[in-house]
Amino acid sequence: MREFWTSMASLMGVFAFFQSILHAVFPPELRFAALKLFHGVFLCFSTYCYFDITEIDGVNTNELYHAVQLYLSRSASVAASRLSLSRGLNSSVFTFGLTSNDCLTDTFCGATATWEHVVTQRQSQTFSWRPLPEEKRSFTLRIKKKDKPLILPAYLDHIMETATDLRRRNQDRLLYTNSRGGSIESRVVPWESVPFKHPSTFDTLAMDPSRKELIMADLKDFAEGKTFYEKTGRAWKRGYLLYGPPGTGKSSMIAAMANYLGYDVYDLELTEVHTNSELRKLLMKTTPKSIIVIEDIDCSINLTNRSSKKLAPPYDLRPTGGCGAEDVNAAAKTMTLSGLLNFTDGLWSCCGSERIFVFTTNHVEELDSALLRSGRMDMHILMSCCSFPALKILMKNYLGLEDGELGGHRQENCELLRELEEVIDDAEITPADVSEILIKNRRREKREAMAELLEALKARAEKRKKERGGSSATARKKNLGEEMDEEEEQEKRALESPKESGEEMDGCNGKEEKREED
C-alpha cells in the first residue's frame, strides 16, 4: 500500500513538472488555440449539437430562457427528482422548475431533446450601473445533428406558444378601466387593473341552452381562427352587441365570455375619453387575448353624428363661412362617432390581435346604423326576458334542484313545473327579478320555494295583463275620439258647401243681368 501511494506521489510530481514547462514554453494564446482545435475535432466526431440559452443576454433579459423554464415545468413535476418551486405575480398556481445541473428529456416530432439547467457562480463584478445576479443561469439543449433541421426552429416556436398559453392560464385574469382625470398624457398609467373574480360561466348563465351553444361555438371558432383570419386578410377581432331590457344578464354574459376564453377585460368608460386621439392611444395600450367592453353605449356619451357636418371636397379644414375656426377646434377636442367607428373597425383596430369588442345597450333602435353593421358588431345577441329553460337553470343554481327534479320525473314537481311553464311567458319577468325571488326563498323547502315563485309569476302576469288591457282601452278611446273628430269635420264641410254654391249662383245671376243691361 505504501508503494502505491509513493508511485502516485511521484506521478503527480512529474505531471506538475511538465505542466510548469508547458506554461513556460507555450504562450496562453497558443494553448487556447490548441484547446479550440481539440474541441472542434471532438464536435466533428460527435453525433450531438448543443445550444446554450442564457438568462441574461448582455444587459437584457432573455425571454426564451423564461419560456423554456415555464415549458419544462409541465414535465419537471413528474420526471425530475429534485425540483424548485415558484409562484409568479398575479398567479394562483405554483410552478415547478429544474434545480442546478439537473436534466430533463423531452420529445418533439419523434426527436429527443435533452435539457440541462446549468448554474455557475459569476465572477466578482467591478462597478456597474446595473448589477448582475451572483449566479449565472442557463439552459443547454442537446439534440442529434440529424434532427436539427427537423425540430428547429419549429421546436422553439412551440416552446414560446406553449409558455405564453401556460402563463396566461396560470395568471389571474385582470379587469381594467381607463384612468380618470386629465388628459391621457398626464396620467401615470392609462389603464388601472384589479383581479377579475367574477364567477359567472355559461353553465350558470340564465339563457336557452341552444343559444348558449351557438355563442360558445362562435367564441371557440374565433379563438382558434388565427390561420383563417390570416388567410382571409382580416384583422383578428370580433364584435358582439348585447341588447335588451335592464336585468337580462348582459354583464353576466360578458363575464361568462371572459371566463370561457380566459381573456382579460377592459371596461372602457367613454365619459373619461375626451378626443379621438385619446381613444386610439387607449386601444394601443390594450393586450392581446382581451375583451374590450363599452356598456350602455346609447347613453354613456353624446356622440357627434358624422353626417351632421360634412366638409365639401377638397376637404379644406381652414375656416370658412359655414364652419368657423372655433368649430373646427371644438370638433378636434371632442370624441366623435367617426372616431368610435375607426376605433372598432378602422386601421387602428388591427394594432393587436385576438381581441373582442362587446357593446351593450338597452335601446338598440337609438344606435347609428354604421355601428350595427358587420365588421363592427358581427353578432347581435338579444338578452330577452326569462324563458322556461332559463328559469330551470336559475332554479338549479339557487334551489339546488337536480336534473331529475327539473325534468318532471317526480310527481309532486310535475304539476308545479307545468304551471311555471304556462305562466313564465305572460309574466315578462327578467332573470334578475327571478333571481331576487329565489334568493329570498333559498332557505325554504324546494317545493315551497317553487310555489312561492309560481305565485309571484302569476301576480306579475296578472299585472301585465291589466297593463295591456288598459293600454288597449286607451288606444280604443283614442281611435274613437279621432273618428268623432273626423265626422264633425265632415259635417262642417257639408254645411259650408251649400252656402258656397248659393254664393256662386248669385254671382252668376248678377253677371247675366249686367250683360242684358249692356
Protein backbone atom coordinates (compact mmCIF):
# COMPACT_ATOMS: atom_id res chain seq x y z
CA MET A 1 0.00 0.00 0.00
CA ARG A 2 2.88 2.34 0.83
CA GLU A 3 4.46 1.64 -2.56
CA PHE A 4 1.20 2.57 -4.30
CA TRP A 5 0.96 5.98 -2.65
CA THR A 6 4.68 6.56 -3.31
CA SER A 7 4.14 5.87 -7.01
CA MET A 8 1.12 8.19 -7.10
CA ALA A 9 3.09 10.99 -5.47
CA SER A 10 5.91 10.57 -8.00
CA LEU A 11 3.42 10.62 -10.88
CA MET A 12 1.79 13.80 -9.58
CA GLY A 13 5.18 15.43 -9.27
CA VAL A 14 6.06 14.54 -12.87
CA PHE A 15 2.69 15.92 -14.03
CA ALA A 16 3.24 19.19 -12.18
CA PHE A 17 6.76 19.45 -13.66
CA PHE A 18 5.54 19.02 -17.24
CA GLN A 19 2.64 21.45 -16.62
CA SER A 20 5.03 24.15 -15.47
CA ILE A 21 7.24 23.55 -18.52
CA LEU A 22 4.17 23.68 -20.77
CA HIS A 23 3.04 27.03 -19.32
CA ALA A 24 6.56 28.40 -19.64
CA VAL A 25 7.20 27.28 -23.20
CA PHE A 26 3.77 27.71 -24.80
CA PRO A 27 2.04 31.11 -24.52
CA PRO A 28 -1.67 31.35 -23.45
CA GLU A 29 -2.82 32.19 -26.98
CA LEU A 30 -1.29 29.01 -28.35
CA ARG A 31 -2.79 26.90 -25.58
CA PHE A 32 -6.24 28.44 -26.23
CA ALA A 33 -5.93 27.70 -29.99
CA ALA A 34 -4.95 24.09 -29.22
CA LEU A 35 -7.95 23.62 -26.92
CA LYS A 36 -10.23 25.17 -29.52
CA LEU A 37 -8.88 22.81 -32.18
CA PHE A 38 -9.34 19.82 -29.89
CA HIS A 39 -12.91 20.89 -29.13
CA GLY A 40 -13.65 21.28 -32.86
CA VAL A 41 -12.30 17.83 -33.63
CA PHE A 42 -14.43 16.41 -30.81
CA LEU A 43 -17.57 18.08 -32.20
CA CYS A 44 -16.85 16.74 -35.69
CA PHE A 45 -16.91 13.17 -34.44
CA SER A 46 -19.78 13.78 -32.02
CA THR A 47 -23.36 12.95 -33.07
CA TYR A 48 -24.88 15.75 -30.93
CA CYS A 49 -25.08 19.51 -31.18
CA TYR A 50 -25.54 21.88 -28.24
CA PHE A 51 -27.36 25.19 -27.75
CA ASP A 52 -26.93 27.46 -24.74
CA ILE A 53 -29.83 29.69 -23.65
CA THR A 54 -28.66 32.17 -21.03
CA GLU A 55 -30.91 34.03 -18.60
CA ILE A 56 -29.43 37.44 -19.44
CA ASP A 57 -28.42 38.34 -22.97
CA GLY A 58 -25.94 41.17 -22.48
CA VAL A 59 -27.95 43.61 -20.36
CA ASN A 60 -31.43 42.47 -21.42
CA THR A 61 -33.49 39.60 -20.09
CA ASN A 62 -33.73 36.64 -22.44
CA GLU A 63 -37.43 35.84 -22.94
CA LEU A 64 -36.58 32.41 -24.37
CA TYR A 65 -34.96 31.38 -21.07
CA HIS A 66 -38.14 32.09 -19.07
CA ALA A 67 -40.25 30.43 -21.78
CA VAL A 68 -38.14 27.25 -21.56
CA GLN A 69 -38.33 27.35 -17.76
CA LEU A 70 -42.12 27.54 -17.86
CA TYR A 71 -42.40 24.97 -20.66
CA LEU A 72 -40.30 22.39 -18.80
CA SER A 73 -42.29 22.92 -15.60
CA ARG A 74 -45.04 20.69 -17.05
CA SER A 75 -42.77 17.63 -17.21
CA ALA A 76 -40.48 18.54 -14.33
CA SER A 77 -43.15 17.78 -11.75
CA VAL A 78 -43.22 14.17 -12.98
CA ALA A 79 -39.77 13.30 -14.33
CA ALA A 80 -37.32 15.27 -12.17
CA SER A 81 -36.18 14.05 -8.77
CA ARG A 82 -35.36 17.44 -7.26
CA LEU A 83 -37.46 20.49 -8.04
CA SER A 84 -37.62 24.20 -7.34
CA LEU A 85 -40.99 25.84 -6.63
CA SER A 86 -42.06 29.38 -7.51
CA ARG A 87 -45.20 31.45 -7.73
CA GLY A 88 -45.46 34.39 -10.10
CA LEU A 89 -47.14 37.76 -9.68
CA ASN A 90 -50.94 37.66 -10.13
CA SER A 91 -50.75 33.86 -10.27
CA SER A 92 -52.79 31.37 -8.28
CA VAL A 93 -50.72 28.25 -9.05
CA PHE A 94 -47.22 27.03 -8.23
CA THR A 95 -44.59 26.49 -10.92
CA PHE A 96 -42.13 23.60 -10.84
CA GLY A 97 -38.59 24.08 -12.12
CA LEU A 98 -35.30 22.23 -12.51
CA THR A 99 -32.61 22.68 -9.89
CA SER A 100 -28.93 23.25 -10.58
CA ASN A 101 -27.35 20.84 -13.12
CA ASP A 102 -30.50 18.72 -13.36
CA CYS A 103 -31.50 17.17 -16.71
CA LEU A 104 -34.83 16.51 -18.38
CA THR A 105 -35.72 14.77 -21.64
CA ASP A 106 -38.44 16.00 -24.00
CA THR A 107 -39.83 14.68 -27.28
CA PHE A 108 -40.95 16.70 -30.31
CA CYS A 109 -41.95 15.31 -33.72
CA GLY A 110 -40.33 11.97 -32.88
CA ALA A 111 -36.98 13.57 -31.98
CA THR A 112 -35.45 13.57 -28.50
CA ALA A 113 -34.23 16.78 -26.86
CA THR A 114 -32.26 16.82 -23.60
CA TRP A 115 -32.35 19.91 -21.42
CA GLU A 116 -29.83 20.67 -18.67
CA HIS A 117 -30.14 23.54 -16.22
CA VAL A 118 -26.62 24.92 -15.64
CA VAL A 119 -25.97 27.24 -12.68
CA THR A 120 -22.46 28.65 -12.06
CA GLN A 121 -21.08 31.38 -9.86
CA ARG A 122 -20.43 34.66 -11.61
CA GLN A 123 -17.05 36.33 -11.17
CA SER A 124 -16.87 39.32 -8.86
CA GLN A 125 -18.03 42.46 -10.63
CA THR A 126 -16.48 45.85 -10.77
CA PHE A 127 -18.63 48.98 -10.55
CA SER A 128 -21.73 48.65 -12.76
CA TRP A 129 -24.81 50.76 -13.27
CA ARG A 130 -26.85 47.58 -13.46
CA PRO A 131 -25.57 44.85 -11.11
CA LEU A 132 -25.97 41.32 -12.42
CA PRO A 133 -27.10 38.32 -10.34
CA GLU A 134 -24.41 36.43 -8.44
CA GLU A 135 -25.35 33.21 -10.24
CA LYS A 136 -25.13 32.67 -13.97
CA ARG A 137 -28.06 30.51 -15.06
CA SER A 138 -28.67 28.96 -18.45
CA PHE A 139 -30.31 26.03 -20.22
CA THR A 140 -28.33 23.74 -22.51
CA LEU A 141 -30.24 21.97 -25.27
CA ARG A 142 -28.70 18.79 -26.70
CA ILE A 143 -30.15 17.23 -29.85
CA LYS A 144 -28.82 14.92 -32.53
CA LYS A 145 -27.36 16.55 -35.60
CA LYS A 146 -29.68 14.66 -37.91
CA ASP A 147 -32.70 16.05 -36.00
CA LYS A 148 -31.57 19.68 -36.19
CA PRO A 149 -33.44 20.64 -39.40
CA LEU A 150 -36.45 18.65 -38.22
CA ILE A 151 -37.16 20.39 -34.92
CA LEU A 152 -35.52 23.81 -35.29
CA PRO A 153 -36.93 26.43 -35.31
CA ALA A 154 -40.35 24.75 -35.04
CA TYR A 155 -39.47 23.37 -31.60
CA LEU A 156 -38.57 26.82 -30.25
CA ASP A 157 -41.77 28.31 -31.69
CA HIS A 158 -43.73 25.53 -29.98
CA ILE A 159 -42.00 26.34 -26.69
CA MET A 160 -42.82 30.05 -26.95
CA GLU A 161 -46.50 29.43 -27.80
CA THR A 162 -46.93 26.84 -25.04
CA ALA A 163 -45.24 29.08 -22.47
CA THR A 164 -47.46 32.02 -23.44
CA ASP A 165 -50.56 29.88 -23.04
CA LEU A 166 -49.36 28.49 -19.69
CA ARG A 167 -48.50 31.96 -18.42
CA ARG A 168 -51.95 33.24 -19.36
CA ARG A 169 -53.69 30.30 -17.70
CA ASN A 170 -51.59 30.45 -14.54
CA GLN A 171 -52.10 34.17 -14.02
CA ASP A 172 -55.32 35.52 -12.61
CA ARG A 173 -57.34 37.46 -15.15
CA LEU A 174 -57.49 41.21 -14.68
CA LEU A 175 -60.26 43.77 -15.03
CA TYR A 176 -59.01 47.09 -16.43
CA THR A 177 -60.60 50.52 -16.50
CA ASN A 178 -59.27 53.71 -18.04
CA SER A 179 -57.84 56.17 -15.54
CA ARG A 180 -59.86 59.20 -14.54
CA GLY A 181 -58.97 62.89 -14.62
CA GLY A 182 -56.99 64.96 -17.08
CA SER A 183 -55.66 64.01 -20.48
CA ILE A 184 -54.10 60.64 -21.15
CA GLU A 185 -50.62 62.18 -21.40
CA SER A 186 -50.86 63.45 -17.81
CA ARG A 187 -51.80 60.05 -16.38
CA VAL A 188 -49.15 57.74 -14.98
CA VAL A 189 -50.85 54.66 -16.41
CA PRO A 190 -53.72 54.75 -18.95
CA TRP A 191 -55.34 51.60 -17.52
CA GLU A 192 -55.83 50.63 -13.88
CA SER A 193 -56.44 46.97 -13.04
CA VAL A 194 -57.83 44.74 -10.31
CA PRO A 195 -58.10 40.92 -10.24
CA PHE A 196 -61.09 39.66 -12.19
CA LYS A 197 -63.03 37.31 -9.89
CA HIS A 198 -66.49 37.24 -11.47
CA PRO A 199 -67.89 33.68 -11.05
CA SER A 200 -70.32 33.77 -13.99
CA THR A 201 -69.98 30.93 -16.50
CA PHE A 202 -72.08 29.64 -19.36
CA ASP A 203 -73.27 26.83 -17.09
CA THR A 204 -74.81 29.30 -14.63
CA LEU A 205 -75.97 31.83 -17.23
CA ALA A 206 -79.78 32.05 -17.46
CA MET A 207 -80.32 31.57 -21.19
CA ASP A 208 -81.70 28.96 -23.54
CA PRO A 209 -79.10 26.17 -23.87
CA SER A 210 -79.33 26.20 -27.67
CA ARG A 211 -78.44 29.89 -27.82
CA LYS A 212 -75.58 29.39 -25.37
CA GLU A 213 -74.18 26.58 -27.50
CA LEU A 214 -74.30 28.85 -30.54
CA ILE A 215 -72.42 31.64 -28.75
CA MET A 216 -69.82 29.26 -27.30
CA ALA A 217 -69.20 27.73 -30.73
CA ASP A 218 -68.70 31.21 -32.21
CA LEU A 219 -66.23 32.14 -29.46
CA LYS A 220 -64.31 28.90 -29.92
CA ASP A 221 -64.08 29.40 -33.68
CA PHE A 222 -62.74 32.91 -33.09
CA ALA A 223 -60.11 31.82 -30.54
CA GLU A 224 -58.88 29.04 -32.86
CA GLY A 225 -59.16 31.06 -36.07
CA LYS A 226 -55.70 32.64 -36.33
CA THR A 227 -54.93 30.83 -39.57
CA PHE A 228 -58.37 31.64 -41.01
CA TYR A 229 -58.06 35.38 -40.31
CA GLU A 230 -54.56 35.49 -41.79
CA LYS A 231 -55.72 33.59 -44.86
CA THR A 232 -58.68 35.87 -45.49
CA GLY A 233 -56.76 39.09 -44.80
CA ARG A 234 -58.96 40.16 -41.88
CA ALA A 235 -57.93 41.65 -38.55
CA TRP A 236 -58.15 39.04 -35.79
CA LYS A 237 -61.01 40.63 -33.88
CA ARG A 238 -64.75 40.20 -33.45
CA GLY A 239 -67.59 42.40 -32.24
CA TYR A 240 -70.68 41.48 -30.22
CA LEU A 241 -73.75 43.59 -29.46
CA LEU A 242 -75.75 42.67 -26.34
CA TYR A 243 -79.11 44.42 -26.27
CA GLY A 244 -82.26 44.04 -24.22
CA PRO A 245 -84.06 45.38 -21.14
CA PRO A 246 -82.14 46.01 -17.90
CA GLY A 247 -81.66 42.94 -15.72
CA THR A 248 -81.47 40.40 -18.54
CA GLY A 249 -77.85 39.37 -17.85
CA LYS A 250 -75.70 41.43 -20.22
CA SER A 251 -72.88 41.90 -17.70
CA SER A 252 -73.08 38.23 -16.69
CA MET A 253 -72.74 37.30 -20.36
CA ILE A 254 -69.52 39.35 -20.64
CA ALA A 255 -68.08 37.68 -17.53
CA ALA A 256 -69.03 34.24 -18.88
CA MET A 257 -67.27 35.03 -22.17
CA ALA A 258 -64.12 36.14 -20.32
CA ASN A 259 -64.09 33.02 -18.12
CA TYR A 260 -64.74 30.74 -21.09
CA LEU A 261 -61.85 32.14 -23.17
CA GLY A 262 -59.54 33.10 -20.29
CA TYR A 263 -59.27 36.71 -21.53
CA ASP A 264 -58.69 39.93 -19.62
CA VAL A 265 -61.48 42.52 -19.61
CA TYR A 266 -61.05 46.22 -20.46
CA ASP A 267 -64.04 48.27 -19.30
CA LEU A 268 -63.84 51.44 -21.38
CA GLU A 269 -65.56 54.45 -19.82
CA LEU A 270 -66.26 56.78 -22.73
CA THR A 271 -67.10 59.74 -20.50
CA GLU A 272 -63.41 59.86 -19.47
CA VAL A 273 -62.21 59.94 -23.10
CA HIS A 274 -62.00 63.49 -24.44
CA THR A 275 -60.71 63.13 -28.01
CA ASN A 276 -60.40 60.57 -30.79
CA SER A 277 -56.65 60.61 -30.28
CA GLU A 278 -57.04 59.51 -26.65
CA LEU A 279 -59.32 56.70 -27.77
CA ARG A 280 -56.67 55.40 -30.17
CA LYS A 281 -53.95 55.61 -27.53
CA LEU A 282 -56.08 53.61 -25.10
CA LEU A 283 -56.56 50.96 -27.77
CA MET A 284 -52.80 50.76 -28.33
CA LYS A 285 -52.27 50.07 -24.61
CA THR A 286 -54.53 47.00 -24.56
CA THR A 287 -53.08 43.49 -24.72
CA PRO A 288 -53.98 40.57 -26.99
CA LYS A 289 -56.44 37.96 -25.72
CA SER A 290 -58.69 40.60 -24.20
CA ILE A 291 -62.31 41.75 -24.27
CA ILE A 292 -62.92 45.50 -24.68
CA VAL A 293 -66.31 46.41 -23.21
CA ILE A 294 -68.34 49.58 -23.79
CA GLU A 295 -71.51 49.37 -21.69
CA ASP A 296 -74.67 51.41 -22.33
CA ILE A 297 -73.23 52.95 -25.46
CA ASP A 298 -76.54 54.68 -26.23
CA CYS A 299 -76.41 56.84 -23.09
CA SER A 300 -72.77 56.86 -21.96
CA ILE A 301 -71.82 59.84 -24.16
CA ASN A 302 -73.44 62.14 -26.72
CA LEU A 303 -71.57 61.23 -29.88
CA THR A 304 -71.47 63.72 -32.73
CA ASN A 305 -73.05 62.19 -35.82
CA ARG A 306 -70.55 62.17 -38.64
CA SER A 307 -73.30 63.21 -41.10
CA SER A 308 -74.17 66.39 -39.16
CA LYS A 309 -71.33 68.47 -40.58
CA LYS A 310 -69.62 67.25 -43.71
CA LEU A 311 -66.72 69.01 -45.36
CA ALA A 312 -67.04 69.56 -49.09
CA PRO A 313 -64.20 68.45 -51.37
CA PRO A 314 -61.32 69.03 -51.32
CA TYR A 315 -61.98 68.75 -47.54
CA ASP A 316 -60.28 72.00 -46.64
CA LEU A 317 -60.06 72.33 -42.87
CA ARG A 318 -59.40 76.07 -42.96
CA PRO A 319 -62.12 78.36 -41.53
CA THR A 320 -64.96 79.02 -43.95
CA GLY A 321 -68.22 80.85 -43.72
CA GLY A 322 -70.18 77.78 -42.64
CA CYS A 323 -67.59 76.39 -40.25
CA GLY A 324 -65.52 78.76 -38.21
CA ALA A 325 -62.14 78.18 -36.60
CA GLU A 326 -63.79 77.72 -33.21
CA ASP A 327 -66.00 74.95 -34.61
CA VAL A 328 -63.01 73.13 -36.10
CA ASN A 329 -61.05 73.36 -32.84
CA ALA A 330 -64.06 72.20 -30.83
CA ALA A 331 -64.52 69.21 -33.15
CA ALA A 332 -60.84 68.31 -32.72
CA LYS A 333 -61.23 68.35 -28.93
CA THR A 334 -64.24 66.05 -28.74
CA MET A 335 -64.79 62.39 -29.41
CA THR A 336 -67.00 61.79 -32.44
CA LEU A 337 -68.90 58.91 -33.90
CA SER A 338 -66.34 58.69 -36.68
CA GLY A 339 -63.58 58.22 -34.10
CA LEU A 340 -65.52 55.42 -32.42
CA LEU A 341 -66.10 53.73 -35.78
CA ASN A 342 -62.38 53.85 -36.58
CA PHE A 343 -61.70 52.52 -33.08
CA THR A 344 -63.74 49.39 -33.75
CA ASP A 345 -63.14 48.77 -37.45
CA GLY A 346 -60.55 51.21 -38.76
CA LEU A 347 -56.83 50.88 -39.33
CA TRP A 348 -56.14 51.32 -35.62
CA SER A 349 -58.35 48.39 -34.69
CA CYS A 350 -55.77 45.93 -36.06
CA CYS A 351 -52.87 47.12 -33.84
CA GLY A 352 -53.07 43.92 -31.79
CA SER A 353 -54.62 40.53 -32.27
CA GLU A 354 -57.21 38.23 -30.73
CA ARG A 355 -59.40 40.94 -29.25
CA ILE A 356 -63.15 41.06 -28.82
CA PHE A 357 -65.29 44.22 -28.74
CA VAL A 358 -68.53 43.98 -26.75
CA PHE A 359 -71.15 46.74 -26.77
CA THR A 360 -74.24 46.75 -24.57
CA THR A 361 -77.39 48.85 -24.89
CA ASN A 362 -80.96 48.93 -23.66
CA HIS A 363 -82.27 50.69 -26.78
CA VAL A 364 -80.76 49.26 -29.95
CA GLU A 365 -83.03 51.41 -32.11
CA GLU A 366 -81.21 54.56 -30.96
CA LEU A 367 -77.81 53.44 -32.27
CA ASP A 368 -76.40 54.66 -35.54
CA SER A 369 -76.70 52.12 -38.34
CA ALA A 370 -72.98 52.46 -39.05
CA LEU A 371 -72.23 50.92 -35.65
CA LEU A 372 -74.53 47.95 -36.22
CA ARG A 373 -73.06 46.67 -39.46
CA SER A 374 -70.93 43.52 -39.73
CA GLY A 375 -67.28 44.12 -39.06
CA ARG A 376 -68.09 46.31 -36.06
CA MET A 377 -70.85 44.35 -34.36
CA ASP A 378 -70.64 40.98 -36.06
CA MET A 379 -73.07 39.10 -33.80
CA HIS A 380 -76.22 40.62 -32.29
CA ILE A 381 -77.39 38.84 -29.13
CA LEU A 382 -80.83 39.64 -27.75
CA MET A 383 -80.92 39.37 -23.95
CA SER A 384 -84.65 38.85 -23.51
CA CYS A 385 -86.92 38.20 -20.55
CA CYS A 386 -86.71 34.94 -18.68
CA SER A 387 -87.90 31.86 -20.59
CA PHE A 388 -88.73 28.45 -19.15
CA PRO A 389 -85.31 26.87 -19.99
CA ALA A 390 -83.62 29.86 -18.36
CA LEU A 391 -85.95 29.54 -15.36
CA LYS A 392 -84.89 25.93 -14.86
CA ILE A 393 -81.23 26.99 -14.85
CA LEU A 394 -81.97 29.62 -12.18
CA MET A 395 -83.85 27.11 -10.02
CA LYS A 396 -80.92 24.72 -10.35
CA ASN A 397 -78.47 27.46 -9.31
CA TYR A 398 -80.40 28.88 -6.36
CA LEU A 399 -82.51 25.96 -5.10
CA GLY A 400 -80.16 23.11 -5.92
CA LEU A 401 -82.70 21.22 -7.99
CA GLU A 402 -81.28 18.21 -9.79
CA ASP A 403 -81.85 17.36 -13.44
CA GLY A 404 -84.34 14.66 -12.47
CA GLU A 405 -86.38 17.11 -10.42
CA LEU A 406 -86.33 19.69 -13.20
CA GLY A 407 -87.28 17.07 -15.77
CA GLY A 408 -90.59 16.41 -14.04
CA HIS A 409 -89.83 12.81 -13.10
CA ARG A 410 -91.20 13.41 -9.63
CA GLN A 411 -94.97 13.65 -9.44
CA GLU A 412 -95.01 16.43 -6.85
CA ASN A 413 -92.88 18.71 -9.04
CA CYS A 414 -94.51 17.86 -12.35
CA GLU A 415 -97.61 19.99 -11.73
CA LEU A 416 -95.59 22.97 -10.45
CA LEU A 417 -93.25 22.85 -13.43
CA ARG A 418 -96.19 22.71 -15.84
CA GLU A 419 -97.80 25.77 -14.25
CA LEU A 420 -94.48 27.63 -14.24
CA GLU A 421 -94.03 26.90 -17.94
CA GLU A 422 -97.51 28.22 -18.69
CA VAL A 423 -97.16 31.48 -16.77
CA ILE A 424 -93.50 32.44 -17.36
CA ASP A 425 -94.05 33.93 -20.83
CA ASP A 426 -97.06 36.01 -19.74
CA ALA A 427 -95.17 37.36 -16.70
CA GLU A 428 -92.47 39.01 -18.88
CA ILE A 429 -90.03 38.98 -15.96
CA THR A 430 -86.28 39.43 -16.19
CA PRO A 431 -83.75 36.89 -14.86
CA ALA A 432 -82.63 39.44 -12.27
CA ASP A 433 -86.15 39.65 -10.80
CA VAL A 434 -86.46 35.85 -10.75
CA SER A 435 -83.07 35.59 -9.02
CA GLU A 436 -84.21 38.02 -6.33
CA ILE A 437 -87.34 35.94 -5.63
CA LEU A 438 -85.28 32.75 -5.41
CA ILE A 439 -82.69 34.36 -3.13
CA LYS A 440 -85.40 35.30 -0.63
CA ASN A 441 -86.71 31.71 -0.60
CA ARG A 442 -83.46 29.77 -0.87
CA ARG A 443 -83.60 28.56 2.75
CA ARG A 444 -87.08 27.14 2.42
CA GLU A 445 -88.04 23.72 1.13
CA LYS A 446 -87.63 23.33 -2.61
CA ARG A 447 -91.33 22.75 -3.22
CA GLU A 448 -92.31 25.73 -1.07
CA ALA A 449 -89.82 27.97 -2.87
CA MET A 450 -91.18 26.84 -6.24
CA ALA A 451 -94.75 27.50 -5.08
CA GLU A 452 -93.76 30.99 -3.89
CA LEU A 453 -92.12 31.65 -7.26
CA LEU A 454 -95.29 30.48 -9.02
CA GLU A 455 -97.43 32.89 -7.01
CA ALA A 456 -95.08 35.78 -7.78
CA LEU A 457 -95.16 34.95 -11.50
CA LYS A 458 -98.95 34.72 -11.51
CA ALA A 459 -99.22 38.13 -9.83
CA ARG A 460 -96.76 39.55 -12.34
CA ALA A 461 -98.68 38.04 -15.26
CA GLU A 462 -101.98 39.48 -13.96
CA LYS A 463 -100.38 42.89 -13.63
CA ARG A 464 -99.05 42.69 -17.18
CA LYS A 465 -102.48 41.65 -18.43
CA LYS A 466 -104.13 44.67 -16.78
CA GLU A 467 -101.47 46.99 -18.20
CA ARG A 468 -102.03 45.58 -21.68
CA GLY A 469 -105.81 45.87 -21.20
CA GLY A 470 -105.53 49.46 -20.03
CA SER A 471 -103.27 50.37 -22.89
CA SER A 472 -105.63 48.74 -25.41
CA ALA A 473 -108.66 50.57 -23.89
CA THR A 474 -106.76 53.82 -24.11
CA ALA A 475 -105.92 53.10 -27.70
CA ARG A 476 -109.57 52.34 -28.48
CA LYS A 477 -110.70 55.59 -26.84
CA LYS A 478 -108.13 57.47 -28.82
CA ASN A 479 -109.25 55.88 -32.08
CA LEU A 480 -112.92 56.60 -31.20
CA GLY A 481 -112.13 60.25 -30.49
CA GLU A 482 -110.31 60.56 -33.78
CA GLU A 483 -113.32 59.07 -35.63
CA MET A 484 -115.71 61.53 -33.91
CA ASP A 485 -113.48 64.47 -34.78
CA GLU A 486 -113.38 63.31 -38.39
CA GLU A 487 -117.19 63.05 -38.53
CA GLU A 488 -117.53 66.59 -37.12
CA GLU A 489 -115.18 67.90 -39.77
CA GLN A 490 -117.19 66.20 -42.49
CA GLU A 491 -120.44 67.71 -41.16
CA LYS A 492 -118.89 71.20 -41.09
CA ARG A 493 -117.71 70.79 -44.66
CA ALA A 494 -121.23 69.59 -45.66
CA LEU A 495 -122.86 72.65 -44.03
CA GLU A 496 -120.43 75.05 -45.63
CA SER A 497 -120.78 73.60 -49.14
CA PRO A 498 -124.46 74.84 -49.76
CA LYS A 499 -123.51 78.36 -48.76
CA GLU A 500 -120.62 78.37 -51.18
CA SER A 501 -122.83 77.01 -54.01
CA GLY A 502 -125.51 79.69 -53.26
CA GLU A 503 -122.95 82.46 -53.41
CA GLU A 504 -121.69 81.11 -56.71
CA MET A 505 -125.28 81.11 -58.12
CA ASP A 506 -125.83 84.72 -57.01
CA GLY A 507 -122.64 85.73 -58.69
CA CYS A 508 -123.69 84.05 -61.93
CA ASN A 509 -127.16 85.78 -61.93
CA GLY A 510 -125.58 89.19 -61.36
CA LYS A 511 -123.27 88.67 -64.29
CA GLU A 512 -126.18 87.71 -66.59
CA GLU A 513 -128.22 90.85 -65.58
CA LYS A 514 -125.23 93.06 -66.26
CA ARG A 515 -124.76 91.56 -69.71
CA GLU A 516 -128.51 92.16 -70.53
CA GLU A 517 -128.23 95.86 -69.50
CA ASP A 518 -125.17 96.25 -71.69
